[in-house]
Amino acid sequence: MGRLAVILGSNALGPGGGEIAAAAAEHGAAIVQRHIASDDYVLPHRIDHVANLRPLLEQGCDRVLAISSVGSLRAELPVGSLVCPDDFIALHLRLSIFEDQRAHTAPAFDARWRGEVIAAWGAGGQAPHDGGVYWQTIGPRFETPAEIRMMAPHAAVVGMTVASECIVAGELGLDYAALCMVDNLANGLGPEALSVAAMDHDRAANAARLREGLTAVLPRLGAVGR
């Protein structure tokens, strides 16, 4: 059985991050912070996903749980909701680790691993919404209200990283599932204009729940084998 890798986003960082690191070490899980390179913050569209994921193979990992911050495209997914998407849209991506016919892949979240993640978080008292389409934009800017109106009939949440990670992980042979925290309503869907200050406030509150949930599920997910 291989090791578990947990990829953390900006929404899981903070003063309580040491708790996650300690729990991961105790249960043999590897931790990756996708936005951090050489101690500097990396914007979503500049993240080197191959550099983040390929070393996990050398560390003996066979599965990835990605934690991600997203905007909600649906009224039934308010701020604070957890979503485990089952598909994605990323029409702009031209991303592959291959330079030959092997690049003709059919990317997907791993269904069995998704089920394990959903069951573990549910047992820990934070059951995520099961399913939904993740729409990946280029970033780093937020979307316009018109863009959100175009996306909303086709997806549940919008973000800037998960589809890229899923593609690369699949090509490397890593089972991949994402747990997305809704940190804001997508631009134009809330009663007030989208602001970074309001999003950061909600993200900080949600981060405590993420750290608590991760600490609770690591023993179970760290023991799951293929």
C-alpha atoms as a PDB file:
ATOM      1  CA  MET A   1       0.000   0.000   0.000  1.00  0.00           C
ATOM      2  CA  GLY A   2       1.328   3.421  -0.925  1.00  0.00           C
ATOM      3  CA  ARG A   3       1.292   6.632   1.028  1.00  0.00           C
ATOM      4  CA  LEU A   4      -1.355   9.319   1.052  1.00  0.00           C
ATOM      5  CA  ALA A   5      -0.481  12.790  -0.237  1.00  0.00           C
ATOM      6  CA  VAL A   6      -2.476  15.838   0.834  1.00  0.00           C
ATOM      7  CA  ILE A   7      -2.268  18.989  -1.290  1.00  0.00           C
ATOM      8  CA  LEU A   8      -3.204  22.105   0.640  1.00  0.00           C
ATOM      9  CA  GLY A   9      -4.427  25.354  -0.843  1.00  0.00           C
ATOM     10  CA  SER A  10      -4.262  28.855   0.534  1.00  0.00           C
ATOM     11  CA  ASN A  11      -7.487  28.203   2.457  1.00  0.00           C
ATOM     12  CA  ALA A  12      -5.855  25.523   4.640  1.00  0.00           C
ATOM     13  CA  LEU A  13      -2.798  27.531   5.617  1.00  0.00           C
ATOM     14  CA  GLY A  14      -2.512  29.584   8.766  1.00  0.00           C
ATOM     15  CA  PRO A  15      -1.470  29.376  12.391  1.00  0.00           C
ATOM     16  CA  GLY A  16      -3.160  25.986  12.801  1.00  0.00           C
ATOM     17  CA  GLY A  17      -1.234  24.433   9.931  1.00  0.00           C
ATOM     18  CA  GLY A  18       1.146  22.785  12.353  1.00  0.00           C
ATOM     19  CA  GLU A  19      -1.673  20.526  13.532  1.00  0.00           C
ATOM     20  CA  ILE A  20      -2.102  19.172  10.011  1.00  0.00           C
ATOM     21  CA  ALA A  21       1.637  18.640   9.592  1.00  0.00           C
ATOM     22  CA  ALA A  22       1.847  16.763  12.885  1.00  0.00           C
ATOM     23  CA  ALA A  23      -1.141  14.558  12.043  1.00  0.00           C
ATOM     24  CA  ALA A  24       0.245  13.866   8.574  1.00  0.00           C
ATOM     25  CA  ALA A  25       3.618  12.840   9.975  1.00  0.00           C
ATOM     26  CA  GLU A  26       1.954  10.550  12.513  1.00  0.00           C
ATOM     27  CA  HIS A  27       0.023   8.716   9.801  1.00  0.00           C
ATOM     28  CA  GLY A  28       2.717   8.687   7.125  1.00  0.00           C
ATOM     29  CA  ALA A  29       1.091  11.188   4.779  1.00  0.00           C
ATOM     30  CA  ALA A  30       3.012  13.601   2.571  1.00  0.00           C
ATOM     31  CA  ILE A  31       2.011  17.276   2.560  1.00  0.00           C
ATOM     32  CA  VAL A  32       2.264  19.620  -0.434  1.00  0.00           C
ATOM     33  CA  GLN A  33       1.372  23.320  -0.365  1.00  0.00           C
ATOM     34  CA  ARG A  34       0.471  24.064  -3.968  1.00  0.00           C
ATOM     35  CA  HIS A  35       0.889  27.843  -3.766  1.00  0.00           C
ATOM     36  CA  ILE A  36       4.296  27.825  -2.043  1.00  0.00           C
ATOM     37  CA  ALA A  37       7.629  27.612  -3.896  1.00  0.00           C
ATOM     38  CA  SER A  38      10.883  28.750  -2.280  1.00  0.00           C
ATOM     39  CA  ASP A  39       8.832  30.420   0.477  1.00  0.00           C
ATOM     40  CA  ASP A  40       7.058  32.646  -2.069  1.00  0.00           C
ATOM     41  CA  TYR A  41       3.350  32.637  -2.924  1.00  0.00           C
ATOM     42  CA  VAL A  42       2.709  31.331  -6.441  1.00  0.00           C
ATOM     43  CA  LEU A  43      -0.337  32.604  -8.328  1.00  0.00           C
ATOM     44  CA  PRO A  44      -2.709  29.863  -9.529  1.00  0.00           C
ATOM     45  CA  HIS A  45      -1.895  30.180 -13.232  1.00  0.00           C
ATOM     46  CA  ARG A  46       1.844  29.926 -12.514  1.00  0.00           C
ATOM     47  CA  ILE A  47       1.807  26.788 -10.370  1.00  0.00           C
ATOM     48  CA  ASP A  48       4.080  24.021 -11.670  1.00  0.00           C
ATOM     49  CA  HIS A  49       1.770  21.082 -11.052  1.00  0.00           C
ATOM     50  CA  VAL A  50       4.228  18.555 -12.449  1.00  0.00           C
ATOM     51  CA  ALA A  51       6.903  19.754 -10.020  1.00  0.00           C
ATOM     52  CA  ASN A  52       4.403  19.455  -7.170  1.00  0.00           C
ATOM     53  CA  LEU A  53       3.130  15.993  -8.077  1.00  0.00           C
ATOM     54  CA  ARG A  54       6.000  14.024  -9.637  1.00  0.00           C
ATOM     55  CA  PRO A  55       8.089  13.908  -6.419  1.00  0.00           C
ATOM     56  CA  LEU A  56       5.151  12.215  -4.687  1.00  0.00           C
ATOM     57  CA  LEU A  57       5.887   9.062  -6.684  1.00  0.00           C
ATOM     58  CA  GLU A  58       9.439   9.038  -5.342  1.00  0.00           C
ATOM     59  CA  GLN A  59       7.987   9.391  -1.840  1.00  0.00           C
ATOM     60  CA  GLY A  60       5.882   6.262  -2.326  1.00  0.00           C
ATOM     61  CA  CYS A  61       2.503   7.969  -2.705  1.00  0.00           C
ATOM     62  CA  ASP A  62      -0.293   6.383  -4.737  1.00  0.00           C
ATOM     63  CA  ARG A  63      -3.244   8.678  -3.977  1.00  0.00           C
ATOM     64  CA  VAL A  64      -3.876  12.391  -3.550  1.00  0.00           C
ATOM     65  CA  LEU A  65      -6.437  14.330  -1.545  1.00  0.00           C
ATOM     66  CA  ALA A  66      -6.483  17.918  -2.786  1.00  0.00           C
ATOM     67  CA  ILE A  67      -7.948  20.687  -0.634  1.00  0.00           C
ATOM     68  CA  SER A  68      -9.146  23.643  -2.676  1.00  0.00           C
ATOM     69  CA  SER A  69     -10.873  26.997  -2.260  1.00  0.00           C
ATOM     70  CA  VAL A  70     -13.756  27.608  -4.653  1.00  0.00           C
ATOM     71  CA  GLY A  71     -16.546  29.987  -5.476  1.00  0.00           C
ATOM     72  CA  SER A  72     -20.102  28.650  -5.514  1.00  0.00           C
ATOM     73  CA  LEU A  73     -22.229  28.787  -8.650  1.00  0.00           C
ATOM     74  CA  ARG A  74     -25.310  27.439  -6.882  1.00  0.00           C
ATOM     75  CA  ALA A  75     -27.649  28.850  -4.233  1.00  0.00           C
ATOM     76  CA  GLU A  76     -27.761  25.445  -2.539  1.00  0.00           C
ATOM     77  CA  LEU A  77     -23.995  25.616  -1.938  1.00  0.00           C
ATOM     78  CA  PRO A  78     -23.535  28.597   0.417  1.00  0.00           C
ATOM     79  CA  VAL A  79     -20.250  29.780   1.871  1.00  0.00           C
ATOM     80  CA  GLY A  80     -18.912  27.076   4.177  1.00  0.00           C
ATOM     81  CA  SER A  81     -20.130  24.165   2.044  1.00  0.00           C
ATOM     82  CA  LEU A  82     -17.795  21.274   1.285  1.00  0.00           C
ATOM     83  CA  VAL A  83     -17.973  19.776  -2.203  1.00  0.00           C
ATOM     84  CA  CYS A  84     -16.309  16.658  -3.592  1.00  0.00           C
ATOM     85  CA  PRO A  85     -16.627  17.181  -7.368  1.00  0.00           C
ATOM     86  CA  ASP A  86     -17.028  14.254  -9.754  1.00  0.00           C
ATOM     87  CA  ASP A  87     -16.150  15.996 -13.021  1.00  0.00           C
ATOM     88  CA  PHE A  88     -14.607  19.189 -14.344  1.00  0.00           C
ATOM     89  CA  ILE A  89     -14.606  21.645 -17.235  1.00  0.00           C
ATOM     90  CA  ALA A  90     -11.295  23.187 -18.293  1.00  0.00           C
ATOM     91  CA  LEU A  91     -11.604  23.917 -21.986  1.00  0.00           C
ATOM     92  CA  HIS A  92      -8.559  26.175 -22.102  1.00  0.00           C
ATOM     93  CA  LEU A  93      -6.039  23.692 -20.702  1.00  0.00           C
ATOM     94  CA  ARG A  94      -3.286  22.317 -22.915  1.00  0.00           C
ATOM     95  CA  LEU A  95      -1.567  20.377 -20.169  1.00  0.00           C
ATOM     96  CA  SER A  96       0.177  17.000 -20.321  1.00  0.00           C
ATOM     97  CA  ILE A  97       3.378  15.441 -19.038  1.00  0.00           C
ATOM     98  CA  PHE A  98       3.676  13.603 -22.365  1.00  0.00           C
ATOM     99  CA  GLU A  99       4.965  14.720 -25.763  1.00  0.00           C
ATOM    100  CA  ASP A 100       3.599  11.753 -27.747  1.00  0.00           C
ATOM    101  CA  GLN A 101       0.393   9.739 -28.221  1.00  0.00           C
ATOM    102  CA  ARG A 102       0.188   9.031 -24.487  1.00  0.00           C
ATOM    103  CA  ALA A 103      -1.151  12.564 -24.074  1.00  0.00           C
ATOM    104  CA  HIS A 104      -4.498  11.379 -25.491  1.00  0.00           C
ATOM    105  CA  THR A 105      -5.935  10.587 -22.073  1.00  0.00           C
ATOM    106  CA  ALA A 106      -9.434  10.690 -20.592  1.00  0.00           C
ATOM    107  CA  PRO A 107      -8.884  12.528 -17.289  1.00  0.00           C
ATOM    108  CA  ALA A 108     -11.175  11.874 -14.352  1.00  0.00           C
ATOM    109  CA  PHE A 109     -11.414  11.935 -10.591  1.00  0.00           C
ATOM    110  CA  ASP A 110     -10.854   8.416  -9.263  1.00  0.00           C
ATOM    111  CA  ALA A 111     -14.316   7.084  -8.337  1.00  0.00           C
ATOM    112  CA  ARG A 112     -13.188   4.581  -5.695  1.00  0.00           C
ATOM    113  CA  TRP A 113     -10.911   7.082  -3.970  1.00  0.00           C
ATOM    114  CA  ARG A 114     -13.631   9.757  -4.087  1.00  0.00           C
ATOM    115  CA  GLY A 115     -15.919   7.350  -2.276  1.00  0.00           C
ATOM    116  CA  GLU A 116     -13.344   6.785   0.456  1.00  0.00           C
ATOM    117  CA  VAL A 117     -12.836  10.522   0.902  1.00  0.00           C
ATOM    118  CA  ILE A 118     -16.571  11.219   1.124  1.00  0.00           C
ATOM    119  CA  ALA A 119     -17.080   8.384   3.618  1.00  0.00           C
ATOM    120  CA  ALA A 120     -14.191   9.523   5.814  1.00  0.00           C
ATOM    121  CA  TRP A 121     -15.313  13.146   5.985  1.00  0.00           C
ATOM    122  CA  GLY A 122     -18.883  12.058   6.612  1.00  0.00           C
ATOM    123  CA  ALA A 123     -17.782   9.836   9.497  1.00  0.00           C
ATOM    124  CA  GLY A 124     -15.900  12.822  10.880  1.00  0.00           C
ATOM    125  CA  GLY A 125     -19.078  14.899  10.979  1.00  0.00           C
ATOM    126  CA  GLN A 126     -18.396  17.081   7.918  1.00  0.00           C
ATOM    127  CA  ALA A 127     -20.141  15.246   5.098  1.00  0.00           C
ATOM    128  CA  PRO A 128     -19.365  16.949   1.768  1.00  0.00           C
ATOM    129  CA  HIS A 129     -21.770  17.443  -1.104  1.00  0.00           C
ATOM    130  CA  ASP A 130     -21.261  14.350  -3.271  1.00  0.00           C
ATOM    131  CA  GLY A 131     -20.649  15.346  -6.873  1.00  0.00           C
ATOM    132  CA  GLY A 132     -20.855  18.432  -9.008  1.00  0.00           C
ATOM    133  CA  VAL A 133     -18.798  19.894 -11.823  1.00  0.00           C
ATOM    134  CA  TYR A 134     -15.722  22.011 -11.089  1.00  0.00           C
ATOM    135  CA  TRP A 135     -15.128  24.742 -13.680  1.00  0.00           C
ATOM    136  CA  GLN A 136     -11.495  25.795 -13.864  1.00  0.00           C
ATOM    137  CA  THR A 137     -10.697  29.296 -15.057  1.00  0.00           C
ATOM    138  CA  ILE A 138      -7.286  30.656 -15.967  1.00  0.00           C
ATOM    139  CA  GLY A 139      -6.966  33.164 -13.120  1.00  0.00           C
ATOM    140  CA  PRO A 140      -5.595  34.964 -11.291  1.00  0.00           C
ATOM    141  CA  ARG A 141      -8.454  37.462 -11.627  1.00  0.00           C
ATOM    142  CA  PHE A 142     -11.974  36.590 -10.566  1.00  0.00           C
ATOM    143  CA  GLU A 143     -14.666  36.052 -13.162  1.00  0.00           C
ATOM    144  CA  THR A 144     -17.071  38.733 -14.348  1.00  0.00           C
ATOM    145  CA  PRO A 145     -20.804  38.367 -13.591  1.00  0.00           C
ATOM    146  CA  ALA A 146     -21.387  37.653 -17.288  1.00  0.00           C
ATOM    147  CA  GLU A 147     -18.835  34.841 -17.226  1.00  0.00           C
ATOM    148  CA  ILE A 148     -20.476  33.401 -14.116  1.00  0.00           C
ATOM    149  CA  ARG A 149     -23.889  33.454 -15.808  1.00  0.00           C
ATOM    150  CA  MET A 150     -22.375  31.442 -18.652  1.00  0.00           C
ATOM    151  CA  MET A 151     -20.832  28.879 -16.274  1.00  0.00           C
ATOM    152  CA  ALA A 152     -23.665  28.461 -13.776  1.00  0.00           C
ATOM    153  CA  PRO A 153     -25.922  26.170 -15.864  1.00  0.00           C
ATOM    154  CA  HIS A 154     -23.035  23.747 -16.353  1.00  0.00           C
ATOM    155  CA  ALA A 155     -21.068  23.624 -13.086  1.00  0.00           C
ATOM    156  CA  ALA A 156     -21.434  23.783  -9.315  1.00  0.00           C
ATOM    157  CA  VAL A 157     -18.201  25.502  -8.299  1.00  0.00           C
ATOM    158  CA  VAL A 158     -15.447  27.540  -9.909  1.00  0.00           C
ATOM    159  CA  GLY A 159     -11.727  27.521  -9.127  1.00  0.00           C
ATOM    160  CA  MET A 160      -8.279  27.799 -10.677  1.00  0.00           C
ATOM    161  CA  THR A 161      -6.234  24.660  -9.884  1.00  0.00           C
ATOM    162  CA  VAL A 162      -8.027  21.333  -9.397  1.00  0.00           C
ATOM    163  CA  ALA A 163      -8.506  20.338 -13.053  1.00  0.00           C
ATOM    164  CA  SER A 164      -4.814  20.874 -13.777  1.00  0.00           C
ATOM    165  CA  GLU A 165      -3.827  18.742 -10.794  1.00  0.00           C
ATOM    166  CA  CYS A 166      -6.296  16.011 -11.725  1.00  0.00           C
ATOM    167  CA  ILE A 167      -4.905  15.771 -15.260  1.00  0.00           C
ATOM    168  CA  VAL A 168      -1.278  15.579 -14.143  1.00  0.00           C
ATOM    169  CA  ALA A 169      -2.022  13.181 -11.277  1.00  0.00           C
ATOM    170  CA  GLY A 170      -3.844  10.815 -13.612  1.00  0.00           C
ATOM    171  CA  GLU A 171      -0.996  10.808 -16.113  1.00  0.00           C
ATOM    172  CA  LEU A 172       1.427  10.010 -13.294  1.00  0.00           C
ATOM    173  CA  GLY A 173      -0.746   7.129 -12.076  1.00  0.00           C
ATOM    174  CA  LEU A 174      -1.899   8.812  -8.870  1.00  0.00           C
ATOM    175  CA  ASP A 175      -5.513   8.391  -7.734  1.00  0.00           C
ATOM    176  CA  TYR A 176      -6.890  11.903  -7.261  1.00  0.00           C
ATOM    177  CA  ALA A 177      -9.879  13.347  -5.416  1.00  0.00           C
ATOM    178  CA  ALA A 178     -10.592  16.932  -4.413  1.00  0.00           C
ATOM    179  CA  LEU A 179     -12.394  18.394  -1.440  1.00  0.00           C
ATOM    180  CA  CYS A 180     -13.472  21.958  -2.181  1.00  0.00           C
ATOM    181  CA  MET A 181     -14.422  24.529   0.434  1.00  0.00           C
ATOM    182  CA  VAL A 182     -16.806  27.241  -0.736  1.00  0.00           C
ATOM    183  CA  ASP A 183     -15.113  30.441   0.435  1.00  0.00           C
ATOM    184  CA  ASN A 184     -17.255  32.856  -1.590  1.00  0.00           C
ATOM    185  CA  LEU A 185     -20.264  33.146  -3.830  1.00  0.00           C
ATOM    186  CA  ALA A 186     -19.194  33.630  -7.425  1.00  0.00           C
ATOM    187  CA  ASN A 187     -19.156  37.192  -8.696  1.00  0.00           C
ATOM    188  CA  GLY A 188     -22.674  38.515  -9.208  1.00  0.00           C
ATOM    189  CA  LEU A 189     -24.461  35.807  -7.213  1.00  0.00           C
ATOM    190  CA  GLY A 190     -24.261  37.397  -3.770  1.00  0.00           C
ATOM    191  CA  PRO A 191     -26.282  40.312  -2.398  1.00  0.00           C
ATOM    192  CA  GLU A 192     -23.128  42.439  -2.362  1.00  0.00           C
ATOM    193  CA  ALA A 193     -20.262  42.883  -4.787  1.00  0.00           C
ATOM    194  CA  LEU A 194     -17.499  40.299  -4.506  1.00  0.00           C
ATOM    195  CA  SER A 195     -14.595  41.605  -2.447  1.00  0.00           C
ATOM    196  CA  VAL A 196     -11.272  40.061  -1.502  1.00  0.00           C
ATOM    197  CA  ALA A 197     -11.684  41.331   2.063  1.00  0.00           C
ATOM    198  CA  ALA A 198     -14.993  39.514   2.548  1.00  0.00           C
ATOM    199  CA  MET A 199     -13.639  36.356   0.942  1.00  0.00           C
ATOM    200  CA  ASP A 200     -10.546  36.395   3.162  1.00  0.00           C
ATOM    201  CA  HIS A 201     -12.765  36.772   6.226  1.00  0.00           C
ATOM    202  CA  ASP A 202     -14.869  33.742   5.280  1.00  0.00           C
ATOM    203  CA  ARG A 203     -11.800  31.774   4.225  1.00  0.00           C
ATOM    204  CA  ALA A 204     -10.203  32.284   7.647  1.00  0.00           C
ATOM    205  CA  ALA A 205     -13.330  30.982   9.369  1.00  0.00           C
ATOM    206  CA  ASN A 206     -13.536  27.992   7.033  1.00  0.00           C
ATOM    207  CA  ALA A 207      -9.836  27.187   7.463  1.00  0.00           C
ATOM    208  CA  ALA A 208     -10.378  26.170  11.080  1.00  0.00           C
ATOM    209  CA  ARG A 209     -13.007  23.646   9.969  1.00  0.00           C
ATOM    210  CA  LEU A 210     -10.715  22.313   7.276  1.00  0.00           C
ATOM    211  CA  ARG A 211      -7.861  21.789   9.702  1.00  0.00           C
ATOM    212  CA  GLU A 212     -10.180  20.091  12.195  1.00  0.00           C
ATOM    213  CA  GLY A 213     -11.619  17.858   9.492  1.00  0.00           C
ATOM    214  CA  LEU A 214      -8.259  16.920   8.024  1.00  0.00           C
ATOM    215  CA  THR A 215      -6.845  16.040  11.414  1.00  0.00           C
ATOM    216  CA  ALA A 216      -9.851  13.770  12.000  1.00  0.00           C
ATOM    217  CA  VAL A 217      -9.783  11.943   8.639  1.00  0.00           C
ATOM    218  CA  LEU A 218      -6.036  11.420   8.223  1.00  0.00           C
ATOM    219  CA  PRO A 219      -5.955   8.208  10.316  1.00  0.00           C
ATOM    220  CA  ARG A 220      -8.633   6.618   8.115  1.00  0.00           C
ATOM    221  CA  LEU A 221      -7.497   7.917   4.742  1.00  0.00           C
ATOM    222  CA  GLY A 222      -3.853   7.197   5.516  1.00  0.00           C
ATOM    223  CA  ALA A 223      -4.757   3.525   5.946  1.00  0.00           C
ATOM    224  CA  VAL A 224      -6.727   3.155   2.699  1.00  0.00           C
ATOM    225  CA  GLY A 225      -4.996   0.989   0.112  1.00  0.00           C
ATOM    226  CA  ARG A 226      -5.631   0.381  -3.551  1.00  0.00           C
END
